[in-house]
Amino acid sequence: MKHERVIHTRGPAAHEEELKGDLPRLETLQGSRVSAVLPPDAIPAVDTPRFVSASDASAFMKDDEPVLGVVQDGAAKAYSLWHLDRHEIVNDRLGSQDVAVTW
């Protein structure tokens, strides 16, 4: 039995016109059928993240809730994996550096 590979290649038919000139639709990969999962921009990035102190976060987060921690130029931030599950990308700034935090 062949496994179906799921790779995002293009959006639904409603987006066909805006995608003209895009790469051709990929229908198979190594003999397996390829299916589009989501159209472009279906999962919105967080562009203006809001942060609270650790003590304030304890009002709505568990002590053992997983986070993705980033330290850059002396600045440290924690990104809730619960939020990253829904958005997958946070565009942020750490110290003097622009960063894209992805999950």
N, C-alpha and C. Protein backbone atom coordinates (compact mmCIF):
# COMPACT_ATOMS: atom_id res chain seq x y z
N MET A 1 0.84 -1.19 0.00
CA MET A 1 0.00 0.00 0.00
C MET A 1 0.88 1.24 0.00
N LYS A 2 0.61 2.17 -0.90
CA LYS A 2 1.37 3.41 -0.96
C LYS A 2 0.84 4.39 0.08
N HIS A 3 1.77 5.13 0.68
CA HIS A 3 1.37 6.18 1.61
C HIS A 3 1.14 7.45 0.83
N GLU A 4 0.14 8.21 1.20
CA GLU A 4 -0.10 9.48 0.56
C GLU A 4 0.75 10.54 1.23
N ARG A 5 1.55 11.25 0.45
CA ARG A 5 2.37 12.33 1.00
C ARG A 5 1.55 13.61 0.93
N VAL A 6 1.63 14.41 1.97
CA VAL A 6 0.88 15.65 2.02
C VAL A 6 1.86 16.80 1.98
N ILE A 7 1.82 17.54 0.89
CA ILE A 7 2.72 18.68 0.69
C ILE A 7 1.89 19.83 0.15
N HIS A 8 2.08 21.00 0.71
CA HIS A 8 1.35 22.16 0.21
C HIS A 8 1.97 22.59 -1.12
N THR A 9 1.18 22.59 -2.17
CA THR A 9 1.70 23.00 -3.47
C THR A 9 0.99 24.23 -4.00
N ARG A 10 -0.30 24.31 -3.86
CA ARG A 10 -1.06 25.45 -4.37
C ARG A 10 -2.37 25.56 -3.61
N GLY A 11 -3.01 26.70 -3.75
CA GLY A 11 -4.29 26.90 -3.08
C GLY A 11 -5.43 26.29 -3.86
N PRO A 12 -6.67 26.45 -3.36
CA PRO A 12 -7.83 25.91 -4.05
C PRO A 12 -8.08 26.63 -5.37
N ALA A 13 -9.01 26.09 -6.14
CA ALA A 13 -9.30 26.62 -7.48
C ALA A 13 -9.61 28.11 -7.47
N ALA A 14 -10.18 28.64 -6.38
CA ALA A 14 -10.50 30.06 -6.31
C ALA A 14 -9.27 30.93 -6.44
N HIS A 15 -8.10 30.40 -6.13
CA HIS A 15 -6.86 31.16 -6.20
C HIS A 15 -6.09 30.92 -7.50
N GLU A 16 -6.64 30.13 -8.42
CA GLU A 16 -5.92 29.77 -9.63
C GLU A 16 -5.47 30.98 -10.43
N GLU A 17 -6.32 31.98 -10.58
CA GLU A 17 -5.96 33.15 -11.39
C GLU A 17 -4.77 33.89 -10.83
N GLU A 18 -4.75 34.11 -9.51
CA GLU A 18 -3.64 34.85 -8.92
C GLU A 18 -2.35 34.05 -8.92
N LEU A 19 -2.43 32.75 -9.14
CA LEU A 19 -1.24 31.91 -9.13
C LEU A 19 -0.67 31.64 -10.51
N LYS A 20 -1.27 32.23 -11.55
CA LYS A 20 -0.74 32.01 -12.89
C LYS A 20 0.72 32.43 -12.93
N GLY A 21 1.53 31.65 -13.60
CA GLY A 21 2.95 31.93 -13.65
C GLY A 21 3.69 31.29 -12.49
N ASP A 22 2.95 30.75 -11.54
CA ASP A 22 3.54 30.04 -10.41
C ASP A 22 4.09 28.70 -10.92
N LEU A 23 4.78 27.98 -10.09
CA LEU A 23 5.28 26.67 -10.49
C LEU A 23 4.12 25.76 -10.88
N PRO A 24 4.36 24.80 -11.76
CA PRO A 24 3.28 23.89 -12.14
C PRO A 24 2.82 23.07 -10.94
N ARG A 25 1.58 22.64 -10.99
CA ARG A 25 1.00 21.84 -9.92
C ARG A 25 1.74 20.50 -9.84
N LEU A 26 2.14 20.13 -8.65
CA LEU A 26 2.80 18.87 -8.41
C LEU A 26 1.74 17.84 -8.07
N GLU A 27 1.60 16.80 -8.87
CA GLU A 27 0.55 15.81 -8.63
C GLU A 27 1.07 14.52 -8.04
N THR A 28 2.33 14.18 -8.32
CA THR A 28 2.92 12.99 -7.71
C THR A 28 4.35 13.30 -7.30
N LEU A 29 4.81 12.57 -6.31
CA LEU A 29 6.18 12.69 -5.83
C LEU A 29 6.66 11.30 -5.50
N GLN A 30 7.66 10.85 -6.20
CA GLN A 30 8.20 9.51 -6.02
C GLN A 30 7.10 8.46 -6.08
N GLY A 31 6.17 8.65 -7.01
CA GLY A 31 5.10 7.68 -7.23
C GLY A 31 3.91 7.80 -6.31
N SER A 32 3.94 8.72 -5.35
CA SER A 32 2.82 8.89 -4.42
C SER A 32 2.04 10.14 -4.79
N ARG A 33 0.72 10.08 -4.59
CA ARG A 33 -0.15 11.22 -4.86
C ARG A 33 0.14 12.36 -3.89
N VAL A 34 0.14 13.60 -4.38
CA VAL A 34 0.37 14.78 -3.56
C VAL A 34 -0.94 15.55 -3.44
N SER A 35 -1.28 15.97 -2.23
CA SER A 35 -2.51 16.72 -1.99
C SER A 35 -2.19 18.06 -1.38
N ALA A 36 -2.88 19.10 -1.81
CA ALA A 36 -2.75 20.42 -1.19
C ALA A 36 -3.50 20.39 0.13
N VAL A 37 -2.88 20.92 1.18
CA VAL A 37 -3.51 20.90 2.48
C VAL A 37 -4.15 22.25 2.79
N LEU A 38 -3.39 23.32 2.63
CA LEU A 38 -3.87 24.66 2.94
C LEU A 38 -3.49 25.62 1.82
N PRO A 39 -4.33 26.61 1.58
CA PRO A 39 -3.95 27.64 0.61
C PRO A 39 -2.89 28.56 1.20
N PRO A 40 -2.21 29.34 0.37
CA PRO A 40 -1.21 30.28 0.89
C PRO A 40 -1.83 31.21 1.94
N ASP A 41 -1.07 31.51 2.97
CA ASP A 41 -1.46 32.42 4.05
C ASP A 41 -2.65 31.94 4.86
N ALA A 42 -2.91 30.65 4.88
CA ALA A 42 -4.05 30.12 5.63
C ALA A 42 -3.80 30.16 7.14
N ILE A 43 -2.53 30.13 7.54
CA ILE A 43 -2.19 30.21 8.96
C ILE A 43 -1.54 31.57 9.20
N PRO A 44 -2.25 32.49 9.84
CA PRO A 44 -1.70 33.84 10.00
C PRO A 44 -0.54 33.89 10.99
N ALA A 45 0.48 34.63 10.63
CA ALA A 45 1.60 34.87 11.54
C ALA A 45 1.17 35.89 12.60
N VAL A 46 1.85 35.86 13.73
CA VAL A 46 1.66 36.89 14.74
C VAL A 46 2.71 37.96 14.46
N ASP A 47 2.26 39.15 14.07
CA ASP A 47 3.19 40.22 13.70
C ASP A 47 3.44 41.22 14.81
N THR A 48 2.55 41.30 15.77
CA THR A 48 2.74 42.22 16.90
C THR A 48 2.48 41.45 18.20
N PRO A 49 3.43 40.57 18.58
CA PRO A 49 3.20 39.76 19.78
C PRO A 49 3.16 40.63 21.03
N ARG A 50 2.32 40.21 21.99
CA ARG A 50 2.23 40.89 23.28
C ARG A 50 2.76 39.94 24.34
N PHE A 51 3.53 40.47 25.26
CA PHE A 51 4.14 39.66 26.30
C PHE A 51 3.70 40.17 27.66
N VAL A 52 3.70 39.26 28.62
CA VAL A 52 3.43 39.62 30.01
C VAL A 52 4.57 39.07 30.85
N SER A 53 4.67 39.55 32.07
CA SER A 53 5.71 39.04 32.97
C SER A 53 5.37 37.61 33.36
N ALA A 54 6.38 36.87 33.83
CA ALA A 54 6.16 35.50 34.26
C ALA A 54 5.12 35.43 35.38
N SER A 55 5.15 36.39 36.29
CA SER A 55 4.18 36.35 37.39
C SER A 55 2.76 36.59 36.87
N ASP A 56 2.59 37.48 35.89
CA ASP A 56 1.26 37.70 35.30
C ASP A 56 0.80 36.49 34.49
N ALA A 57 1.74 35.81 33.82
CA ALA A 57 1.40 34.63 33.02
C ALA A 57 0.88 33.49 33.87
N SER A 58 1.25 33.45 35.14
CA SER A 58 0.80 32.36 36.01
C SER A 58 -0.72 32.38 36.19
N ALA A 59 -1.38 33.49 35.87
CA ALA A 59 -2.84 33.56 35.97
C ALA A 59 -3.54 32.74 34.89
N PHE A 60 -2.85 32.47 33.76
CA PHE A 60 -3.50 31.73 32.68
C PHE A 60 -2.62 30.63 32.08
N MET A 61 -1.42 30.44 32.59
CA MET A 61 -0.54 29.37 32.12
C MET A 61 -0.18 28.46 33.30
N LYS A 62 -0.01 27.17 33.01
CA LYS A 62 0.44 26.23 34.03
C LYS A 62 1.95 26.36 34.19
N ASP A 63 2.45 26.02 35.37
CA ASP A 63 3.89 26.09 35.64
C ASP A 63 4.70 25.22 34.70
N ASP A 64 4.13 24.09 34.27
CA ASP A 64 4.86 23.17 33.40
C ASP A 64 4.44 23.26 31.93
N GLU A 65 3.73 24.34 31.58
CA GLU A 65 3.31 24.51 30.18
C GLU A 65 4.53 24.74 29.30
N PRO A 66 4.64 24.00 28.18
CA PRO A 66 5.83 24.14 27.34
C PRO A 66 5.85 25.48 26.58
N VAL A 67 7.04 26.03 26.50
CA VAL A 67 7.27 27.26 25.75
C VAL A 67 8.52 27.09 24.90
N LEU A 68 8.65 27.90 23.89
CA LEU A 68 9.88 27.97 23.12
C LEU A 68 10.60 29.22 23.59
N GLY A 69 11.78 29.05 24.15
CA GLY A 69 12.53 30.17 24.69
C GLY A 69 13.61 30.63 23.74
N VAL A 70 13.79 31.94 23.63
CA VAL A 70 14.81 32.51 22.76
C VAL A 70 15.56 33.59 23.53
N VAL A 71 16.88 33.57 23.43
CA VAL A 71 17.72 34.59 24.05
C VAL A 71 18.61 35.16 22.96
N GLN A 72 18.63 36.48 22.83
CA GLN A 72 19.44 37.16 21.81
C GLN A 72 19.83 38.53 22.33
N ASP A 73 21.08 38.88 22.22
CA ASP A 73 21.56 40.21 22.63
C ASP A 73 21.12 40.58 24.04
N GLY A 74 21.09 39.62 24.94
CA GLY A 74 20.71 39.89 26.32
C GLY A 74 19.22 39.96 26.56
N ALA A 75 18.40 39.81 25.54
CA ALA A 75 16.94 39.81 25.69
C ALA A 75 16.45 38.37 25.65
N ALA A 76 15.52 38.03 26.54
CA ALA A 76 14.97 36.68 26.60
C ALA A 76 13.45 36.75 26.50
N LYS A 77 12.87 35.88 25.68
CA LYS A 77 11.41 35.80 25.54
C LYS A 77 11.00 34.35 25.50
N ALA A 78 9.78 34.08 25.95
CA ALA A 78 9.20 32.75 25.90
C ALA A 78 7.92 32.81 25.08
N TYR A 79 7.79 31.90 24.13
CA TYR A 79 6.62 31.84 23.25
C TYR A 79 5.83 30.58 23.59
N SER A 80 4.58 30.74 23.95
CA SER A 80 3.72 29.62 24.32
C SER A 80 3.54 28.69 23.12
N LEU A 81 3.82 27.40 23.35
CA LEU A 81 3.62 26.44 22.26
C LEU A 81 2.15 26.30 21.90
N TRP A 82 1.26 26.56 22.85
CA TRP A 82 -0.17 26.55 22.55
C TRP A 82 -0.49 27.59 21.48
N HIS A 83 0.10 28.78 21.60
CA HIS A 83 -0.13 29.81 20.58
C HIS A 83 0.58 29.48 19.28
N LEU A 84 1.79 28.94 19.38
CA LEU A 84 2.52 28.59 18.17
C LEU A 84 1.84 27.45 17.41
N ASP A 85 1.13 26.57 18.10
CA ASP A 85 0.36 25.54 17.41
C ASP A 85 -0.69 26.14 16.48
N ARG A 86 -1.24 27.27 16.86
CA ARG A 86 -2.28 27.93 16.05
C ARG A 86 -1.72 28.85 14.99
N HIS A 87 -0.55 29.45 15.22
CA HIS A 87 -0.04 30.46 14.29
C HIS A 87 1.24 30.04 13.58
N GLU A 88 2.05 29.23 14.20
CA GLU A 88 3.28 28.66 13.65
C GLU A 88 4.43 29.65 13.44
N ILE A 89 4.14 30.92 13.24
CA ILE A 89 5.20 31.92 13.03
C ILE A 89 4.90 33.16 13.85
N VAL A 90 5.92 33.64 14.56
CA VAL A 90 5.83 34.93 15.25
C VAL A 90 6.97 35.79 14.71
N ASN A 91 6.62 36.93 14.15
CA ASN A 91 7.62 37.91 13.71
C ASN A 91 7.84 38.86 14.87
N ASP A 92 9.07 38.95 15.32
CA ASP A 92 9.34 39.69 16.54
C ASP A 92 10.71 40.36 16.44
N ARG A 93 11.08 41.02 17.49
CA ARG A 93 12.39 41.67 17.59
C ARG A 93 12.99 41.31 18.94
N LEU A 94 14.21 40.82 18.94
CA LEU A 94 14.93 40.51 20.17
C LEU A 94 16.17 41.36 20.19
N GLY A 95 16.26 42.24 21.17
CA GLY A 95 17.38 43.18 21.20
C GLY A 95 17.34 44.02 19.93
N SER A 96 18.41 43.99 19.16
CA SER A 96 18.48 44.77 17.93
C SER A 96 18.22 43.91 16.68
N GLN A 97 17.79 42.67 16.89
CA GLN A 97 17.65 41.71 15.79
C GLN A 97 16.20 41.36 15.49
N ASP A 98 15.78 41.47 14.22
CA ASP A 98 14.48 40.96 13.81
C ASP A 98 14.57 39.44 13.76
N VAL A 99 13.54 38.75 14.25
CA VAL A 99 13.54 37.29 14.24
C VAL A 99 12.18 36.76 13.78
N ALA A 100 12.20 35.59 13.22
CA ALA A 100 10.97 34.85 12.92
C ALA A 100 11.04 33.58 13.76
N VAL A 101 10.16 33.47 14.73
CA VAL A 101 10.10 32.30 15.60
C VAL A 101 9.09 31.34 14.95
N THR A 102 9.54 30.15 14.62
CA THR A 102 8.66 29.20 13.92
C THR A 102 8.51 27.92 14.70
N TRP A 103 7.38 27.25 14.48
CA TRP A 103 7.09 26.00 15.16
C TRP A 103 6.48 25.04 14.19
